[in-house]
Protein backbone atom coordinates (compact mmCIF):
# COMPACT_ATOMS: atom_id res chain seq x y z
CA MET A 1 121.83 -0.61 -78.44
CA LYS A 2 122.85 -2.70 -75.44
CA TYR A 3 122.06 0.29 -73.15
CA ALA A 4 118.61 0.53 -74.67
CA PHE A 5 118.03 -3.15 -73.96
CA LEU A 6 119.30 -2.75 -70.38
CA PHE A 7 117.03 0.26 -69.84
CA LEU A 8 114.05 -1.63 -71.26
CA ALA A 9 114.77 -4.68 -69.08
CA LEU A 10 115.08 -2.56 -65.92
CA SER A 11 111.89 -0.66 -66.72
CA PHE A 12 109.99 -3.90 -67.16
CA SER A 13 111.31 -5.39 -63.90
CA PHE A 14 110.41 -2.24 -61.91
CA SER A 15 106.89 -2.20 -63.34
CA THR A 16 106.49 -5.88 -62.52
CA LEU A 17 107.61 -5.23 -58.93
CA SER A 18 105.09 -2.44 -58.48
CA LEU A 19 102.29 -4.67 -59.78
CA ALA A 20 103.37 -7.51 -57.49
CA ASN A 21 102.82 -5.35 -54.41
CA THR A 22 99.16 -4.63 -55.18
CA ILE A 23 96.82 -6.02 -52.53
CA ASN A 24 93.68 -7.60 -54.00
CA SER A 25 92.57 -9.58 -50.93
CA PHE A 26 93.55 -10.06 -47.30
CA ASN A 27 95.53 -13.14 -48.33
CA ASP A 28 97.78 -10.99 -50.54
CA SER A 29 99.13 -9.31 -47.40
CA GLN A 30 100.90 -11.35 -44.75
CA ALA A 31 100.37 -8.49 -42.27
CA ILE A 32 96.59 -8.22 -42.83
CA ALA A 33 96.18 -12.00 -42.79
CA THR A 34 98.14 -12.19 -39.51
CA ILE A 35 96.01 -9.49 -37.86
CA ALA A 36 92.74 -11.03 -39.08
CA GLN A 37 93.81 -14.48 -37.83
CA PHE A 38 94.87 -13.00 -34.46
CA MET A 39 91.45 -11.37 -34.08
CA ASN A 40 89.59 -14.53 -35.08
CA ASP A 41 91.69 -16.74 -32.77
CA ASN A 42 90.98 -14.53 -29.77
CA ALA A 43 87.27 -14.25 -30.58
CA GLU A 44 86.67 -17.71 -29.17
CA ASP A 45 87.81 -16.64 -25.69
CA MET A 46 85.58 -13.61 -25.21
CA PRO A 47 81.85 -13.10 -24.62
CA VAL A 48 82.09 -10.02 -26.87
CA SER A 49 84.64 -10.26 -29.66
CA VAL A 50 85.68 -8.57 -32.86
CA ALA A 51 86.65 -10.24 -36.13
CA MET A 52 87.38 -9.02 -39.65
CA THR A 53 87.32 -10.52 -43.10
CA ASP A 54 87.32 -9.58 -46.77
CA LYS A 55 84.54 -11.97 -47.68
CA LYS A 56 81.69 -10.54 -49.72
CA LEU A 57 78.42 -10.14 -47.86
CA LYS A 58 75.13 -10.56 -49.71
CA LEU A 59 72.95 -7.61 -48.79
CA LYS A 60 69.18 -7.81 -48.91
CA ASP A 61 68.82 -4.04 -49.11
CA SER A 62 71.71 -1.68 -49.81
CA SER A 63 69.52 1.44 -49.88
CA THR A 64 70.40 2.21 -46.25
CA CYS A 65 74.14 2.14 -46.94
CA THR A 66 76.05 5.40 -46.87
CA THR A 67 78.99 6.62 -48.92
CA VAL A 68 82.24 7.02 -46.97
CA THR A 69 85.90 7.67 -47.62
CA SER A 70 88.63 5.08 -47.27
CA ALA A 71 89.68 6.82 -44.04
CA GLU A 72 86.45 5.59 -42.43
CA VAL A 73 87.37 1.98 -43.26
CA LEU A 74 90.83 2.42 -41.75
CA SER A 75 89.37 4.02 -38.64
CA VAL A 76 86.88 1.19 -38.05
CA VAL A 77 89.52 -1.49 -38.59
CA GLU A 78 92.09 0.25 -36.37
CA THR A 79 89.51 0.63 -33.58
CA ALA A 80 88.64 -3.07 -33.87
CA ILE A 81 92.30 -4.11 -33.70
CA LYS A 82 92.88 -1.92 -30.63
CA SER A 83 89.84 -3.38 -28.87
CA VAL A 84 91.34 -6.87 -29.17
CA LEU A 85 94.83 -5.69 -28.21
CA ARG A 86 93.50 -4.19 -24.98
CA LEU A 87 92.66 -7.70 -23.80
CA TYR A 88 95.40 -9.60 -25.61
CA PRO A 89 98.43 -7.33 -26.04
CA ASP A 90 100.94 -8.45 -28.64
CA GLU A 91 103.78 -6.09 -29.47
CA GLU A 92 105.00 -8.26 -32.35
CA LEU A 93 101.88 -7.91 -34.49
CA PRO A 94 102.53 -6.07 -37.78
CA ILE A 95 99.82 -3.47 -37.19
CA GLU A 96 101.41 -0.59 -39.11
CA GLU A 97 102.18 -2.85 -42.08
CA ALA A 98 98.62 -4.20 -42.03
CA LEU A 99 97.13 -0.70 -42.03
CA THR A 100 99.46 0.32 -44.88
CA ASP A 101 98.45 -2.75 -46.88
CA LEU A 102 94.79 -2.13 -46.04
CA THR A 103 95.18 1.39 -47.43
CA ASP A 104 96.45 -0.14 -50.66
CA TYR A 105 93.62 -2.70 -50.72
CA VAL A 106 90.85 -0.17 -50.06
CA GLY A 107 92.20 2.41 -52.48
CA PRO A 108 91.12 6.03 -52.61
CA GLY A 109 87.40 5.31 -52.29
CA PRO A 110 84.63 6.20 -52.14
CA LEU A 111 83.10 3.10 -50.60
CA LYS A 112 79.68 2.12 -49.33
CA LYS A 113 79.25 1.44 -45.62
CA CYS A 114 76.43 -0.79 -44.40
CA ASN A 115 75.45 -1.82 -40.89
CA VAL A 116 74.06 -5.35 -40.70
CA VAL A 117 72.69 -7.15 -37.64
CA GLN A 118 72.27 -10.93 -37.44
CA ILE A 119 70.67 -12.53 -34.40
CA ASN A 120 70.27 -16.20 -33.55
CA ASN A 121 69.90 -18.27 -30.37
CA HIS A 122 73.62 -18.26 -29.58
CA LYS A 123 74.98 -14.90 -30.67
CA ASN A 124 74.32 -11.46 -32.04
CA ILE A 125 76.57 -10.25 -34.84
CA THR A 126 76.72 -6.56 -35.65
CA SER A 127 78.69 -6.03 -38.83
CA VAL A 128 80.09 -2.93 -40.43
CA TYR A 129 80.53 -3.83 -44.08
CA PHE A 130 82.40 -1.76 -46.66
CA PHE A 131 82.49 -2.36 -50.41
CA ASP A 132 83.42 -0.44 -53.52
CA SER A 133 81.38 0.25 -56.65
CA GLN A 134 83.47 -2.19 -58.71
CA ASP A 135 82.76 -5.07 -56.31
CA LYS A 136 86.49 -5.69 -55.77
CA VAL A 137 86.93 -4.38 -52.22
CA HIS A 138 85.11 -5.99 -49.30
CA VAL A 139 85.94 -5.31 -45.65
CA LYS A 140 83.68 -6.63 -42.90
CA VAL A 141 84.24 -5.97 -39.21
CA ASP A 142 82.03 -8.05 -36.92
CA THR A 143 81.25 -7.47 -33.28
CA ILE A 144 80.06 -10.80 -31.93
CA THR A 145 78.14 -11.02 -28.66
CA LEU A 146 77.43 -14.45 -27.22
CA THR A 147 73.94 -14.73 -25.75
CA GLN A 148 74.33 -17.98 -23.84
């Protein structure tokens, strides 16, 4: 009987640990949050910068969005990270951990990919926005070009 209780207790603790590692937002991953903050911090110093977030974007028209795999999300994010690292190298950034956590966050897909352009007097923002059908996953990668 005591072995059954021990087995049950261990099973419960392992299932709790596996649930605790699920990434539901960028803030659930120290690595993703670090990378996103690094990108945002360096955006202020460049005439053309890249930033990323998991904030939901309200779309006026999603009919032009295409269906993509989760690999497309990872590719866009990795390219964005590398574009910042070319100008601001940092060997201590947890890039591999962030991409692993992003894989967990995005899941198996499929996702919708939308290209959104916002223009004002000071900057042009070209966004690649990914979201899932359950409205739980949101990844937005912005390329920001200052116009003045």
